[in-house]
């Protein structure tokens, strides 16, 4: 048992060291590519990337000014390739856009100025305790657009009640807004002024609704006809995003 514990400890530290090396290698590769650029080229690349993400998030120069804590004139200078922001400001922007700093500092052939061809778009996040309200723009999450269904909003899973659907507490769940869902589909609902996810079943003949969790430790919620007005369907869950 003692030997097994030692092996686990060695493996754990080797794993940490490996991850550190990967991070260090990526940092130095980015640093080397940036160092090899001339100042004008770097300003142009940053200007194009910032413009791309501003269009994606539908941000004005004034809004970027508030996010970064600099003047609107400085933002204008960045967009026009006249000036580069400090690294701390670039980090603020990367955090806001949920991207790496390298996405702002390196040229990418995947980007396009034609918004109709973008594969990603920001989705507003609902406040689960005030479902009729959306959280500020910085809480928006990027979602890959699909031809069949569009994500209109998202919410953070508040508990482990849908764990057997592979949706864990803290996961981001994307929702297509619609008034009804089919029996057995996972619906985003408002119940008792709180947004959550449940499998929805409506039994028209017997006049009751069953809200089922995908975790056996939670009991079904059964609503009779008198309680129908206490529930509101936001829409159907179509995708989720988990942290690794």
C-alpha atoms as a PDB file:
ATOM      1  CA  UNK A   1       0.000   0.000   0.000  1.00  0.00           C
ATOM      2  CA  UNK A   2       2.885   2.337   0.846  1.00  0.00           C
ATOM      3  CA  UNK A   3       4.518   1.711  -2.552  1.00  0.00           C
ATOM      4  CA  UNK A   4       1.228   2.381  -4.358  1.00  0.00           C
ATOM      5  CA  UNK A   5       0.883   5.710  -2.532  1.00  0.00           C
ATOM      6  CA  UNK A   6       4.416   6.696  -3.535  1.00  0.00           C
ATOM      7  CA  UNK A   7       3.707   5.807  -7.166  1.00  0.00           C
ATOM      8  CA  UNK A   8       0.549   7.952  -7.093  1.00  0.00           C
ATOM      9  CA  UNK A   9       2.494  10.897  -5.642  1.00  0.00           C
ATOM     10  CA  UNK A  10       5.247  10.587  -8.272  1.00  0.00           C
ATOM     11  CA  UNK A  11       2.634  10.363 -11.046  1.00  0.00           C
ATOM     12  CA  UNK A  12       0.804  13.405  -9.670  1.00  0.00           C
ATOM     13  CA  UNK A  13       3.937  15.567  -9.609  1.00  0.00           C
ATOM     14  CA  UNK A  14       5.050  14.334 -13.034  1.00  0.00           C
ATOM     15  CA  UNK A  15       1.627  15.305 -14.397  1.00  0.00           C
ATOM     16  CA  UNK A  16       1.854  18.795 -12.864  1.00  0.00           C
ATOM     17  CA  UNK A  17       5.371  19.207 -14.270  1.00  0.00           C
ATOM     18  CA  UNK A  18       4.207  18.091 -17.730  1.00  0.00           C
ATOM     19  CA  UNK A  19       1.305  20.564 -17.707  1.00  0.00           C
ATOM     20  CA  UNK A  20       3.681  23.317 -16.599  1.00  0.00           C
ATOM     21  CA  UNK A  21       6.031  22.514 -19.495  1.00  0.00           C
ATOM     22  CA  UNK A  22       3.144  22.604 -21.967  1.00  0.00           C
ATOM     23  CA  UNK A  23       2.046  26.015 -20.672  1.00  0.00           C
ATOM     24  CA  UNK A  24       5.642  27.310 -20.716  1.00  0.00           C
ATOM     25  CA  UNK A  25       6.200  25.991 -24.252  1.00  0.00           C
ATOM     26  CA  UNK A  26       2.993  27.599 -25.539  1.00  0.00           C
ATOM     27  CA  UNK A  27       3.898  30.911 -23.878  1.00  0.00           C
ATOM     28  CA  UNK A  28       7.370  30.942 -25.425  1.00  0.00           C
ATOM     29  CA  UNK A  29       6.067  29.995 -28.877  1.00  0.00           C
ATOM     30  CA  UNK A  30       3.599  32.881 -28.756  1.00  0.00           C
ATOM     31  CA  UNK A  31       6.272  35.205 -27.382  1.00  0.00           C
ATOM     32  CA  UNK A  32       8.704  34.219 -30.157  1.00  0.00           C
ATOM     33  CA  UNK A  33       6.115  34.785 -32.889  1.00  0.00           C
ATOM     34  CA  UNK A  34       5.218  38.186 -31.434  1.00  0.00           C
ATOM     35  CA  UNK A  35       8.880  39.173 -31.048  1.00  0.00           C
ATOM     36  CA  UNK A  36       9.532  38.382 -34.719  1.00  0.00           C
ATOM     37  CA  UNK A  37       6.768  40.776 -35.811  1.00  0.00           C
ATOM     38  CA  UNK A  38       7.453  44.428 -36.383  1.00  0.00           C
ATOM     39  CA  UNK A  39       5.415  46.898 -34.357  1.00  0.00           C
ATOM     40  CA  UNK A  40       3.195  47.973 -37.237  1.00  0.00           C
ATOM     41  CA  UNK A  41       2.330  44.366 -38.133  1.00  0.00           C
ATOM     42  CA  UNK A  42       1.430  43.584 -34.520  1.00  0.00           C
ATOM     43  CA  UNK A  43      -0.806  46.662 -34.286  1.00  0.00           C
ATOM     44  CA  UNK A  44      -2.625  45.671 -37.492  1.00  0.00           C
ATOM     45  CA  UNK A  45      -3.171  42.083 -36.329  1.00  0.00           C
ATOM     46  CA  UNK A  46      -4.480  43.226 -32.955  1.00  0.00           C
ATOM     47  CA  UNK A  47      -6.759  45.795 -34.638  1.00  0.00           C
ATOM     48  CA  UNK A  48      -8.274  43.120 -36.914  1.00  0.00           C
ATOM     49  CA  UNK A  49      -8.751  40.638 -34.066  1.00  0.00           C
ATOM     50  CA  UNK A  50     -10.291  43.194 -31.713  1.00  0.00           C
ATOM     51  CA  UNK A  51     -12.664  44.385 -34.450  1.00  0.00           C
ATOM     52  CA  UNK A  52     -13.657  40.762 -35.104  1.00  0.00           C
ATOM     53  CA  UNK A  53     -14.570  40.047 -31.477  1.00  0.00           C
ATOM     54  CA  UNK A  54     -16.277  43.411 -31.031  1.00  0.00           C
ATOM     55  CA  UNK A  55     -18.550  42.593 -33.975  1.00  0.00           C
ATOM     56  CA  UNK A  56     -19.157  39.108 -32.618  1.00  0.00           C
ATOM     57  CA  UNK A  57     -20.193  40.495 -29.224  1.00  0.00           C
ATOM     58  CA  UNK A  58     -21.838  43.570 -30.765  1.00  0.00           C
ATOM     59  CA  UNK A  59     -19.771  45.922 -28.637  1.00  0.00           C
ATOM     60  CA  UNK A  60     -19.317  49.632 -29.225  1.00  0.00           C
ATOM     61  CA  UNK A  61     -16.070  51.502 -28.618  1.00  0.00           C
ATOM     62  CA  UNK A  62     -17.699  53.077 -25.573  1.00  0.00           C
ATOM     63  CA  UNK A  63     -18.477  49.644 -24.101  1.00  0.00           C
ATOM     64  CA  UNK A  64     -14.914  48.421 -24.722  1.00  0.00           C
ATOM     65  CA  UNK A  65     -13.695  51.580 -23.002  1.00  0.00           C
ATOM     66  CA  UNK A  66     -15.706  50.680 -19.882  1.00  0.00           C
ATOM     67  CA  UNK A  67     -14.563  47.037 -19.953  1.00  0.00           C
ATOM     68  CA  UNK A  68     -10.882  47.953 -20.141  1.00  0.00           C
ATOM     69  CA  UNK A  69     -10.930  51.136 -18.059  1.00  0.00           C
ATOM     70  CA  UNK A  70      -9.288  53.287 -20.746  1.00  0.00           C
ATOM     71  CA  UNK A  71     -10.492  56.252 -22.786  1.00  0.00           C
ATOM     72  CA  UNK A  72     -12.637  55.804 -25.874  1.00  0.00           C
ATOM     73  CA  UNK A  73      -9.895  57.547 -27.863  1.00  0.00           C
ATOM     74  CA  UNK A  74      -7.461  54.784 -26.869  1.00  0.00           C
ATOM     75  CA  UNK A  75      -9.916  52.148 -28.105  1.00  0.00           C
ATOM     76  CA  UNK A  76     -10.230  54.051 -31.382  1.00  0.00           C
ATOM     77  CA  UNK A  77      -6.439  54.068 -31.703  1.00  0.00           C
ATOM     78  CA  UNK A  78      -6.331  50.272 -31.202  1.00  0.00           C
ATOM     79  CA  UNK A  79      -8.983  49.659 -33.850  1.00  0.00           C
ATOM     80  CA  UNK A  80      -7.222  51.923 -36.340  1.00  0.00           C
ATOM     81  CA  UNK A  81      -3.855  50.257 -35.741  1.00  0.00           C
ATOM     82  CA  UNK A  82      -2.258  53.375 -34.274  1.00  0.00           C
ATOM     83  CA  UNK A  83      -1.523  52.040 -30.809  1.00  0.00           C
ATOM     84  CA  UNK A  84      -1.162  48.792 -28.822  1.00  0.00           C
ATOM     85  CA  UNK A  85      -2.677  48.340 -25.357  1.00  0.00           C
ATOM     86  CA  UNK A  86      -0.699  47.086 -22.388  1.00  0.00           C
ATOM     87  CA  UNK A  87      -0.645  43.348 -21.679  1.00  0.00           C
ATOM     88  CA  UNK A  88      -2.900  43.809 -18.634  1.00  0.00           C
ATOM     89  CA  UNK A  89      -5.569  45.362 -20.861  1.00  0.00           C
ATOM     90  CA  UNK A  90      -5.192  42.559 -23.419  1.00  0.00           C
ATOM     91  CA  UNK A  91      -5.755  40.077 -20.597  1.00  0.00           C
ATOM     92  CA  UNK A  92      -8.960  41.904 -19.589  1.00  0.00           C
ATOM     93  CA  UNK A  93     -10.227  41.674 -23.158  1.00  0.00           C
ATOM     94  CA  UNK A  94      -9.309  37.989 -23.438  1.00  0.00           C
ATOM     95  CA  UNK A  95     -11.166  37.226 -20.199  1.00  0.00           C
ATOM     96  CA  UNK A  96     -14.216  39.134 -21.399  1.00  0.00           C
ATOM     97  CA  UNK A  97     -14.283  37.284 -24.737  1.00  0.00           C
ATOM     98  CA  UNK A  98     -13.483  33.914 -23.064  1.00  0.00           C
ATOM     99  CA  UNK A  99     -10.427  33.422 -25.298  1.00  0.00           C
ATOM    100  CA  UNK A 100      -6.642  33.181 -24.953  1.00  0.00           C
ATOM    101  CA  UNK A 101      -4.503  36.305 -25.274  1.00  0.00           C
ATOM    102  CA  UNK A 102      -2.908  34.712 -28.344  1.00  0.00           C
ATOM    103  CA  UNK A 103      -6.279  34.973 -30.134  1.00  0.00           C
ATOM    104  CA  UNK A 104      -5.871  38.736 -29.993  1.00  0.00           C
ATOM    105  CA  UNK A 105      -2.158  38.845 -30.781  1.00  0.00           C
ATOM    106  CA  UNK A 106      -1.822  36.310 -33.593  1.00  0.00           C
ATOM    107  CA  UNK A 107      -3.174  36.284 -37.115  1.00  0.00           C
ATOM    108  CA  UNK A 108      -5.921  33.717 -37.751  1.00  0.00           C
ATOM    109  CA  UNK A 109      -7.132  32.503 -41.136  1.00  0.00           C
ATOM    110  CA  UNK A 110     -10.382  31.291 -39.569  1.00  0.00           C
ATOM    111  CA  UNK A 111     -11.672  34.777 -38.872  1.00  0.00           C
ATOM    112  CA  UNK A 112     -13.841  36.636 -41.328  1.00  0.00           C
ATOM    113  CA  UNK A 113     -15.435  40.051 -41.350  1.00  0.00           C
ATOM    114  CA  UNK A 114     -18.612  38.614 -42.853  1.00  0.00           C
ATOM    115  CA  UNK A 115     -20.828  38.100 -39.816  1.00  0.00           C
ATOM    116  CA  UNK A 116     -23.144  35.768 -41.712  1.00  0.00           C
ATOM    117  CA  UNK A 117     -20.351  33.204 -41.976  1.00  0.00           C
ATOM    118  CA  UNK A 118     -19.314  33.242 -38.320  1.00  0.00           C
ATOM    119  CA  UNK A 119     -19.572  29.849 -36.689  1.00  0.00           C
ATOM    120  CA  UNK A 120     -19.858  31.274 -33.162  1.00  0.00           C
ATOM    121  CA  UNK A 121     -22.105  33.841 -31.549  1.00  0.00           C
ATOM    122  CA  UNK A 122     -22.529  35.094 -27.973  1.00  0.00           C
ATOM    123  CA  UNK A 123     -25.558  33.810 -26.069  1.00  0.00           C
ATOM    124  CA  UNK A 124     -26.967  35.785 -23.107  1.00  0.00           C
ATOM    125  CA  UNK A 125     -27.005  33.991 -19.760  1.00  0.00           C
ATOM    126  CA  UNK A 126     -30.170  33.998 -17.662  1.00  0.00           C
ATOM    127  CA  UNK A 127     -30.141  34.876 -13.989  1.00  0.00           C
ATOM    128  CA  UNK A 128     -31.610  31.667 -12.514  1.00  0.00           C
ATOM    129  CA  UNK A 129     -32.990  33.559  -9.509  1.00  0.00           C
ATOM    130  CA  UNK A 130     -34.570  36.213 -11.726  1.00  0.00           C
ATOM    131  CA  UNK A 131     -35.264  34.292 -14.955  1.00  0.00           C
ATOM    132  CA  UNK A 132     -36.924  37.195 -16.747  1.00  0.00           C
ATOM    133  CA  UNK A 133     -33.606  39.061 -16.576  1.00  0.00           C
ATOM    134  CA  UNK A 134     -30.352  38.492 -18.422  1.00  0.00           C
ATOM    135  CA  UNK A 135     -26.965  38.880 -16.767  1.00  0.00           C
ATOM    136  CA  UNK A 136     -24.591  41.587 -18.106  1.00  0.00           C
ATOM    137  CA  UNK A 137     -22.934  41.091 -21.500  1.00  0.00           C
ATOM    138  CA  UNK A 138     -19.669  39.884 -19.991  1.00  0.00           C
ATOM    139  CA  UNK A 139     -21.541  36.762 -18.837  1.00  0.00           C
ATOM    140  CA  UNK A 140     -22.479  35.843 -22.410  1.00  0.00           C
ATOM    141  CA  UNK A 141     -21.119  32.503 -23.624  1.00  0.00           C
ATOM    142  CA  UNK A 142     -19.971  31.688 -27.157  1.00  0.00           C
ATOM    143  CA  UNK A 143     -22.081  29.047 -28.885  1.00  0.00           C
ATOM    144  CA  UNK A 144     -21.463  27.313 -32.213  1.00  0.00           C
ATOM    145  CA  UNK A 145     -24.342  28.074 -34.552  1.00  0.00           C
ATOM    146  CA  UNK A 146     -26.179  25.088 -36.021  1.00  0.00           C
ATOM    147  CA  UNK A 147     -28.503  25.100 -39.006  1.00  0.00           C
ATOM    148  CA  UNK A 148     -31.283  23.172 -37.279  1.00  0.00           C
ATOM    149  CA  UNK A 149     -31.594  24.838 -33.878  1.00  0.00           C
ATOM    150  CA  UNK A 150     -30.452  28.175 -32.550  1.00  0.00           C
ATOM    151  CA  UNK A 151     -29.447  28.872 -28.952  1.00  0.00           C
ATOM    152  CA  UNK A 152     -31.282  31.958 -27.716  1.00  0.00           C
ATOM    153  CA  UNK A 153     -30.062  31.953 -24.117  1.00  0.00           C
ATOM    154  CA  UNK A 154     -28.168  29.828 -21.634  1.00  0.00           C
ATOM    155  CA  UNK A 155     -28.115  29.132 -17.912  1.00  0.00           C
ATOM    156  CA  UNK A 156     -25.683  27.686 -15.411  1.00  0.00           C
ATOM    157  CA  UNK A 157     -26.857  24.367 -13.973  1.00  0.00           C
ATOM    158  CA  UNK A 158     -27.518  25.087 -10.279  1.00  0.00           C
ATOM    159  CA  UNK A 159     -27.313  21.509  -8.939  1.00  0.00           C
ATOM    160  CA  UNK A 160     -26.689  17.838  -9.788  1.00  0.00           C
ATOM    161  CA  UNK A 161     -30.316  16.958 -10.533  1.00  0.00           C
ATOM    162  CA  UNK A 162     -29.588  16.202 -14.233  1.00  0.00           C
ATOM    163  CA  UNK A 163     -26.346  14.301 -13.747  1.00  0.00           C
ATOM    164  CA  UNK A 164     -27.531  11.158 -15.575  1.00  0.00           C
ATOM    165  CA  UNK A 165     -28.033  13.326 -18.666  1.00  0.00           C
ATOM    166  CA  UNK A 166     -24.304  14.168 -18.258  1.00  0.00           C
ATOM    167  CA  UNK A 167     -25.227  17.694 -17.145  1.00  0.00           C
ATOM    168  CA  UNK A 168     -23.298  18.497 -13.971  1.00  0.00           C
ATOM    169  CA  UNK A 169     -23.571  21.326 -11.489  1.00  0.00           C
ATOM    170  CA  UNK A 170     -21.935  24.418 -12.972  1.00  0.00           C
ATOM    171  CA  UNK A 171     -22.297  23.299 -16.608  1.00  0.00           C
ATOM    172  CA  UNK A 172     -23.557  25.867 -19.114  1.00  0.00           C
ATOM    173  CA  UNK A 173     -26.766  24.704 -20.819  1.00  0.00           C
ATOM    174  CA  UNK A 174     -27.880  26.321 -24.088  1.00  0.00           C
ATOM    175  CA  UNK A 175     -31.600  26.774 -24.685  1.00  0.00           C
ATOM    176  CA  UNK A 176     -33.729  27.295 -27.785  1.00  0.00           C
ATOM    177  CA  UNK A 177     -36.682  29.419 -26.718  1.00  0.00           C
ATOM    178  CA  UNK A 178     -40.087  27.850 -27.381  1.00  0.00           C
ATOM    179  CA  UNK A 179     -43.405  27.657 -25.545  1.00  0.00           C
ATOM    180  CA  UNK A 180     -43.790  23.871 -25.608  1.00  0.00           C
ATOM    181  CA  UNK A 181     -41.595  20.767 -25.615  1.00  0.00           C
ATOM    182  CA  UNK A 182     -42.282  17.128 -26.399  1.00  0.00           C
ATOM    183  CA  UNK A 183     -42.674  14.580 -23.626  1.00  0.00           C
ATOM    184  CA  UNK A 184     -39.299  13.371 -22.381  1.00  0.00           C
ATOM    185  CA  UNK A 185     -37.335  16.359 -23.681  1.00  0.00           C
ATOM    186  CA  UNK A 186     -35.203  18.394 -21.290  1.00  0.00           C
ATOM    187  CA  UNK A 187     -36.880  21.735 -20.766  1.00  0.00           C
ATOM    188  CA  UNK A 188     -35.628  24.938 -19.222  1.00  0.00           C
ATOM    189  CA  UNK A 189     -38.453  26.015 -16.953  1.00  0.00           C
ATOM    190  CA  UNK A 190     -39.340  28.642 -14.382  1.00  0.00           C
ATOM    191  CA  UNK A 191     -40.825  27.193 -11.206  1.00  0.00           C
ATOM    192  CA  UNK A 192     -41.217  29.198  -7.997  1.00  0.00           C
ATOM    193  CA  UNK A 193     -39.423  32.133  -9.672  1.00  0.00           C
ATOM    194  CA  UNK A 194     -36.308  30.010 -10.254  1.00  0.00           C
ATOM    195  CA  UNK A 195     -34.980  28.703 -13.564  1.00  0.00           C
ATOM    196  CA  UNK A 196     -33.926  25.066 -13.782  1.00  0.00           C
ATOM    197  CA  UNK A 197     -33.840  22.026 -16.064  1.00  0.00           C
ATOM    198  CA  UNK A 198     -36.272  19.113 -15.922  1.00  0.00           C
ATOM    199  CA  UNK A 199     -37.510  16.352 -18.189  1.00  0.00           C
ATOM    200  CA  UNK A 200     -41.021  17.435 -19.085  1.00  0.00           C
ATOM    201  CA  UNK A 201     -44.052  15.139 -19.344  1.00  0.00           C
ATOM    202  CA  UNK A 202     -47.586  16.376 -19.955  1.00  0.00           C
ATOM    203  CA  UNK A 203     -50.443  13.896 -19.575  1.00  0.00           C
ATOM    204  CA  UNK A 204     -53.365  15.624 -21.248  1.00  0.00           C
ATOM    205  CA  UNK A 205     -55.993  12.974 -20.480  1.00  0.00           C
ATOM    206  CA  UNK A 206     -55.130  12.819 -16.791  1.00  0.00           C
ATOM    207  CA  UNK A 207     -54.476  16.566 -16.644  1.00  0.00           C
ATOM    208  CA  UNK A 208     -51.158  16.633 -14.831  1.00  0.00           C
ATOM    209  CA  UNK A 209     -47.515  17.473 -15.525  1.00  0.00           C
ATOM    210  CA  UNK A 210     -44.497  15.506 -14.325  1.00  0.00           C
ATOM    211  CA  UNK A 211     -41.139  17.248 -13.994  1.00  0.00           C
ATOM    212  CA  UNK A 212     -38.517  14.524 -13.766  1.00  0.00           C
ATOM    213  CA  UNK A 213     -34.900  14.805 -12.666  1.00  0.00           C
ATOM    214  CA  UNK A 214     -32.127  12.728 -14.214  1.00  0.00           C
ATOM    215  CA  UNK A 215     -30.852  11.793 -10.773  1.00  0.00           C
ATOM    216  CA  UNK A 216     -32.663   9.167  -8.650  1.00  0.00           C
ATOM    217  CA  UNK A 217     -31.982  10.998  -5.390  1.00  0.00           C
ATOM    218  CA  UNK A 218     -34.474  13.695  -6.456  1.00  0.00           C
ATOM    219  CA  UNK A 219     -38.201  12.982  -6.450  1.00  0.00           C
ATOM    220  CA  UNK A 220     -40.460  13.825  -9.389  1.00  0.00           C
ATOM    221  CA  UNK A 221     -42.425  17.059  -9.202  1.00  0.00           C
ATOM    222  CA  UNK A 222     -46.082  16.493 -10.065  1.00  0.00           C
ATOM    223  CA  UNK A 223     -48.326  19.413 -10.938  1.00  0.00           C
ATOM    224  CA  UNK A 224     -52.086  19.032 -11.215  1.00  0.00           C
ATOM    225  CA  UNK A 225     -54.223  21.305 -13.356  1.00  0.00           C
ATOM    226  CA  UNK A 226     -54.551  23.814 -10.515  1.00  0.00           C
ATOM    227  CA  UNK A 227     -50.772  24.254 -10.514  1.00  0.00           C
ATOM    228  CA  UNK A 228     -50.237  24.663 -14.250  1.00  0.00           C
ATOM    229  CA  UNK A 229     -49.994  28.437 -13.918  1.00  0.00           C
ATOM    230  CA  UNK A 230     -47.015  28.089 -11.538  1.00  0.00           C
ATOM    231  CA  UNK A 231     -44.754  26.779 -14.302  1.00  0.00           C
ATOM    232  CA  UNK A 232     -43.412  28.509 -17.394  1.00  0.00           C
ATOM    233  CA  UNK A 233     -41.441  26.834 -20.166  1.00  0.00           C
ATOM    234  CA  UNK A 234     -38.474  28.913 -21.332  1.00  0.00           C
ATOM    235  CA  UNK A 235     -37.514  26.473 -24.065  1.00  0.00           C
ATOM    236  CA  UNK A 236     -35.746  23.242 -24.940  1.00  0.00           C
ATOM    237  CA  UNK A 237     -32.190  22.417 -23.865  1.00  0.00           C
ATOM    238  CA  UNK A 238     -30.177  21.739 -27.021  1.00  0.00           C
ATOM    239  CA  UNK A 239     -26.545  21.593 -25.851  1.00  0.00           C
ATOM    240  CA  UNK A 240     -24.316  21.963 -22.831  1.00  0.00           C
ATOM    241  CA  UNK A 241     -20.748  22.974 -22.130  1.00  0.00           C
ATOM    242  CA  UNK A 242     -18.676  21.369 -19.374  1.00  0.00           C
ATOM    243  CA  UNK A 243     -15.334  22.194 -17.834  1.00  0.00           C
ATOM    244  CA  UNK A 244     -12.676  19.523 -18.273  1.00  0.00           C
END
